[in-house]
Amino acid sequence: MKELVEYLARALVDQPEAVELKTTPQEGAVLYELKVAPGDVGKVIGRDGRTVNALRTVLQHAAQKKGEKARLEILDDRKPAAPQVLAPAQP
């Protein structure tokens, strides 16, 4: 399963050597965390999330065929780690 996700992700991005996939067992399923180069995140997500949803569908059906459950998450390093709280302006 891991090879399938890596193969599809590498085919989508401009920097295939930067593709990293981490698997974690989680509540009766396997969580796949996909990390790509910052410039390739948009290519993996696609317009309105269509590409990532298609990847998730392929992964879920392949896992179901083996009697397993799987989830796919895209790790995005571009997002800030925590929202910044701004202090109110002083008059």
N, C-alpha and C. Protein backbone atom coordinates (compact mmCIF):
# COMPACT_ATOMS: atom_id res chain seq x y z
N MET A 1 0.82 -1.18 0.00
CA MET A 1 0.00 0.00 0.00
C MET A 1 0.87 1.26 0.00
N LYS A 2 1.92 1.24 0.82
CA LYS A 2 2.82 2.38 0.91
C LYS A 2 3.45 2.68 -0.45
N GLU A 3 3.83 1.62 -1.16
CA GLU A 3 4.46 1.80 -2.47
C GLU A 3 3.49 2.45 -3.46
N LEU A 4 2.22 2.10 -3.36
CA LEU A 4 1.20 2.68 -4.25
C LEU A 4 1.09 4.18 -4.04
N VAL A 5 0.99 4.61 -2.79
CA VAL A 5 0.86 6.04 -2.49
C VAL A 5 2.12 6.79 -2.91
N GLU A 6 3.29 6.23 -2.61
CA GLU A 6 4.54 6.88 -3.00
C GLU A 6 4.64 7.00 -4.52
N TYR A 7 4.28 5.95 -5.23
CA TYR A 7 4.34 5.97 -6.69
C TYR A 7 3.43 7.06 -7.27
N LEU A 8 2.20 7.13 -6.78
CA LEU A 8 1.26 8.13 -7.28
C LEU A 8 1.72 9.54 -6.94
N ALA A 9 2.21 9.74 -5.72
CA ALA A 9 2.67 11.07 -5.31
C ALA A 9 3.87 11.51 -6.14
N ARG A 10 4.82 10.61 -6.36
CA ARG A 10 6.02 10.96 -7.14
C ARG A 10 5.66 11.32 -8.59
N ALA A 11 4.61 10.70 -9.10
CA ALA A 11 4.18 10.99 -10.47
C ALA A 11 3.55 12.37 -10.59
N LEU A 12 3.05 12.91 -9.48
CA LEU A 12 2.36 14.19 -9.51
C LEU A 12 3.27 15.40 -9.32
N VAL A 13 4.39 15.23 -8.63
CA VAL A 13 5.20 16.37 -8.18
C VAL A 13 6.38 16.64 -9.10
N ASP A 14 6.97 17.84 -8.94
CA ASP A 14 8.16 18.22 -9.70
C ASP A 14 9.44 17.71 -9.03
N GLN A 15 9.39 17.50 -7.72
CA GLN A 15 10.56 17.03 -6.98
C GLN A 15 10.25 15.67 -6.33
N PRO A 16 10.28 14.60 -7.11
CA PRO A 16 9.90 13.29 -6.56
C PRO A 16 10.84 12.79 -5.46
N GLU A 17 12.07 13.27 -5.44
CA GLU A 17 13.00 12.83 -4.40
C GLU A 17 12.63 13.38 -3.03
N ALA A 18 11.80 14.40 -2.98
CA ALA A 18 11.40 15.01 -1.71
C ALA A 18 10.16 14.35 -1.10
N VAL A 19 9.58 13.38 -1.79
CA VAL A 19 8.38 12.71 -1.28
C VAL A 19 8.75 11.80 -0.11
N GLU A 20 8.06 12.00 1.01
CA GLU A 20 8.25 11.16 2.20
C GLU A 20 6.88 10.68 2.65
N LEU A 21 6.80 9.40 3.00
CA LEU A 21 5.54 8.84 3.46
C LEU A 21 5.78 8.10 4.76
N LYS A 22 5.06 8.51 5.79
CA LYS A 22 5.18 7.90 7.11
C LYS A 22 3.88 7.16 7.40
N THR A 23 3.98 5.94 7.90
CA THR A 23 2.78 5.18 8.26
C THR A 23 2.72 5.01 9.77
N THR A 24 1.50 5.13 10.30
CA THR A 24 1.28 5.00 11.73
C THR A 24 0.01 4.20 11.96
N PRO A 25 0.09 3.08 12.70
CA PRO A 25 -1.15 2.37 13.05
C PRO A 25 -2.00 3.24 13.97
N GLN A 26 -3.31 3.27 13.70
CA GLN A 26 -4.17 4.18 14.46
C GLN A 26 -5.60 3.66 14.49
N GLU A 27 -6.08 3.26 15.64
CA GLU A 27 -7.48 2.87 15.86
C GLU A 27 -8.03 1.94 14.78
N GLY A 28 -7.43 0.82 14.58
CA GLY A 28 -7.92 -0.16 13.62
C GLY A 28 -7.67 0.21 12.17
N ALA A 29 -6.86 1.21 11.94
CA ALA A 29 -6.56 1.64 10.58
C ALA A 29 -5.07 2.02 10.51
N VAL A 30 -4.64 2.38 9.33
CA VAL A 30 -3.28 2.86 9.15
C VAL A 30 -3.36 4.29 8.64
N LEU A 31 -2.64 5.18 9.31
CA LEU A 31 -2.59 6.58 8.89
C LEU A 31 -1.35 6.77 8.03
N TYR A 32 -1.54 7.27 6.82
CA TYR A 32 -0.44 7.59 5.91
C TYR A 32 -0.28 9.10 5.90
N GLU A 33 0.91 9.57 6.27
CA GLU A 33 1.19 11.00 6.27
C GLU A 33 2.17 11.30 5.15
N LEU A 34 1.71 12.05 4.17
CA LEU A 34 2.50 12.35 2.98
C LEU A 34 3.09 13.74 3.09
N LYS A 35 4.40 13.82 2.89
CA LYS A 35 5.10 15.10 2.93
C LYS A 35 5.81 15.27 1.59
N VAL A 36 5.62 16.43 0.97
CA VAL A 36 6.27 16.75 -0.30
C VAL A 36 6.96 18.10 -0.17
N ALA A 37 7.72 18.48 -1.18
CA ALA A 37 8.39 19.78 -1.18
C ALA A 37 7.34 20.88 -1.09
N PRO A 38 7.67 21.99 -0.43
CA PRO A 38 6.68 23.08 -0.26
C PRO A 38 6.06 23.56 -1.58
N GLY A 39 6.82 23.56 -2.65
CA GLY A 39 6.29 24.00 -3.94
C GLY A 39 5.37 22.99 -4.60
N ASP A 40 5.36 21.76 -4.10
CA ASP A 40 4.55 20.70 -4.70
C ASP A 40 3.26 20.40 -3.93
N VAL A 41 3.06 21.06 -2.81
CA VAL A 41 1.87 20.78 -1.99
C VAL A 41 0.59 21.02 -2.80
N GLY A 42 0.57 22.11 -3.53
CA GLY A 42 -0.61 22.43 -4.34
C GLY A 42 -0.89 21.40 -5.41
N LYS A 43 0.14 20.81 -5.96
CA LYS A 43 -0.05 19.78 -6.99
C LYS A 43 -0.65 18.52 -6.41
N VAL A 44 -0.28 18.19 -5.18
CA VAL A 44 -0.82 16.99 -4.54
C VAL A 44 -2.25 17.22 -4.07
N ILE A 45 -2.54 18.44 -3.63
CA ILE A 45 -3.89 18.75 -3.16
C ILE A 45 -4.83 18.95 -4.34
N GLY A 46 -4.39 19.69 -5.35
CA GLY A 46 -5.22 19.91 -6.53
C GLY A 46 -6.27 20.97 -6.31
N ARG A 47 -6.91 21.35 -7.39
CA ARG A 47 -7.95 22.38 -7.32
C ARG A 47 -9.13 21.85 -6.51
N ASP A 48 -9.52 22.62 -5.50
CA ASP A 48 -10.62 22.26 -4.60
C ASP A 48 -10.41 20.90 -3.93
N GLY A 49 -9.15 20.44 -3.83
CA GLY A 49 -8.86 19.18 -3.16
C GLY A 49 -9.19 17.94 -3.97
N ARG A 50 -9.39 18.11 -5.25
CA ARG A 50 -9.79 16.96 -6.08
C ARG A 50 -8.71 15.89 -6.17
N THR A 51 -7.46 16.31 -6.30
CA THR A 51 -6.38 15.34 -6.45
C THR A 51 -6.19 14.54 -5.17
N VAL A 52 -6.14 15.22 -4.03
CA VAL A 52 -5.95 14.50 -2.77
C VAL A 52 -7.16 13.60 -2.48
N ASN A 53 -8.34 14.03 -2.84
CA ASN A 53 -9.52 13.18 -2.65
C ASN A 53 -9.46 11.94 -3.53
N ALA A 54 -8.93 12.08 -4.74
CA ALA A 54 -8.77 10.92 -5.61
C ALA A 54 -7.73 9.97 -5.04
N LEU A 55 -6.62 10.51 -4.51
CA LEU A 55 -5.61 9.67 -3.87
C LEU A 55 -6.20 8.93 -2.67
N ARG A 56 -6.99 9.62 -1.88
CA ARG A 56 -7.63 8.98 -0.72
C ARG A 56 -8.57 7.87 -1.14
N THR A 57 -9.31 8.10 -2.21
CA THR A 57 -10.24 7.09 -2.70
C THR A 57 -9.50 5.85 -3.17
N VAL A 58 -8.44 6.04 -3.93
CA VAL A 58 -7.64 4.90 -4.40
C VAL A 58 -7.07 4.13 -3.22
N LEU A 59 -6.52 4.84 -2.24
CA LEU A 59 -5.94 4.20 -1.07
C LEU A 59 -7.00 3.44 -0.28
N GLN A 60 -8.14 4.05 -0.05
CA GLN A 60 -9.20 3.40 0.72
C GLN A 60 -9.71 2.14 0.04
N HIS A 61 -9.86 2.17 -1.26
CA HIS A 61 -10.35 1.00 -1.98
C HIS A 61 -9.29 -0.11 -2.03
N ALA A 62 -8.04 0.28 -2.19
CA ALA A 62 -6.97 -0.73 -2.17
C ALA A 62 -6.87 -1.38 -0.79
N ALA A 63 -7.01 -0.58 0.26
CA ALA A 63 -6.97 -1.12 1.62
C ALA A 63 -8.18 -2.01 1.88
N GLN A 64 -9.34 -1.57 1.42
CA GLN A 64 -10.56 -2.34 1.63
C GLN A 64 -10.47 -3.71 0.95
N LYS A 65 -9.82 -3.75 -0.19
CA LYS A 65 -9.65 -5.00 -0.91
C LYS A 65 -8.82 -5.99 -0.09
N LYS A 66 -7.92 -5.46 0.75
CA LYS A 66 -7.10 -6.30 1.62
C LYS A 66 -7.75 -6.50 2.99
N GLY A 67 -8.94 -5.94 3.19
CA GLY A 67 -9.61 -6.06 4.48
C GLY A 67 -9.07 -5.11 5.53
N GLU A 68 -8.50 -4.01 5.11
CA GLU A 68 -7.91 -3.04 6.02
C GLU A 68 -8.60 -1.69 5.87
N LYS A 69 -8.24 -0.76 6.75
CA LYS A 69 -8.70 0.62 6.64
C LYS A 69 -7.48 1.52 6.57
N ALA A 70 -7.60 2.60 5.81
CA ALA A 70 -6.46 3.50 5.65
C ALA A 70 -6.95 4.94 5.53
N ARG A 71 -6.13 5.86 6.03
CA ARG A 71 -6.39 7.30 5.92
C ARG A 71 -5.15 7.96 5.35
N LEU A 72 -5.34 9.00 4.57
CA LEU A 72 -4.24 9.76 4.00
C LEU A 72 -4.35 11.22 4.41
N GLU A 73 -3.26 11.74 4.96
CA GLU A 73 -3.17 13.15 5.33
C GLU A 73 -1.96 13.75 4.62
N ILE A 74 -2.09 15.00 4.21
CA ILE A 74 -0.99 15.73 3.59
C ILE A 74 -0.40 16.66 4.65
N LEU A 75 0.89 16.53 4.89
CA LEU A 75 1.57 17.42 5.83
C LEU A 75 2.04 18.64 5.06
N ASP A 76 1.67 19.81 5.57
CA ASP A 76 2.00 21.06 4.88
C ASP A 76 2.87 21.91 5.80
N ASP A 77 4.15 22.04 5.47
CA ASP A 77 5.08 22.84 6.27
C ASP A 77 4.85 24.34 6.10
N ARG A 78 4.06 24.72 5.11
CA ARG A 78 3.82 26.14 4.87
C ARG A 78 2.89 26.75 5.89
N LYS A 79 2.07 25.93 6.55
CA LYS A 79 1.13 26.44 7.54
C LYS A 79 1.87 26.83 8.80
N PRO A 80 1.44 27.90 9.47
CA PRO A 80 2.04 28.21 10.76
C PRO A 80 1.65 27.15 11.78
N ALA A 81 2.55 26.86 12.71
CA ALA A 81 2.32 25.81 13.70
C ALA A 81 1.14 26.13 14.61
N ALA A 82 1.02 27.37 15.01
CA ALA A 82 -0.09 27.77 15.87
C ALA A 82 -0.54 29.17 15.47
N PRO A 83 -1.83 29.43 15.59
CA PRO A 83 -2.30 30.77 15.22
C PRO A 83 -1.72 31.81 16.17
N GLN A 84 -1.37 32.93 15.62
CA GLN A 84 -0.80 34.00 16.43
C GLN A 84 -1.93 34.88 16.93
N VAL A 85 -1.88 35.20 18.19
CA VAL A 85 -2.88 36.07 18.79
C VAL A 85 -2.29 37.45 18.91
N LEU A 86 -2.94 38.41 18.31
CA LEU A 86 -2.45 39.79 18.33
C LEU A 86 -3.09 40.52 19.50
N ALA A 87 -2.29 41.30 20.18
CA ALA A 87 -2.81 42.10 21.28
C ALA A 87 -3.63 43.26 20.71
N PRO A 88 -4.68 43.67 21.42
CA PRO A 88 -5.47 44.80 20.93
C PRO A 88 -4.63 46.07 20.90
N ALA A 89 -4.93 46.92 19.94
CA ALA A 89 -4.18 48.16 19.78
C ALA A 89 -4.45 49.09 20.97
N GLN A 90 -3.42 49.75 21.42
CA GLN A 90 -3.55 50.71 22.52
C GLN A 90 -3.90 52.08 21.95
N PRO A 91 -4.87 52.79 22.56
CA PRO A 91 -5.26 54.12 22.02
C PRO A 91 -4.22 55.17 22.26
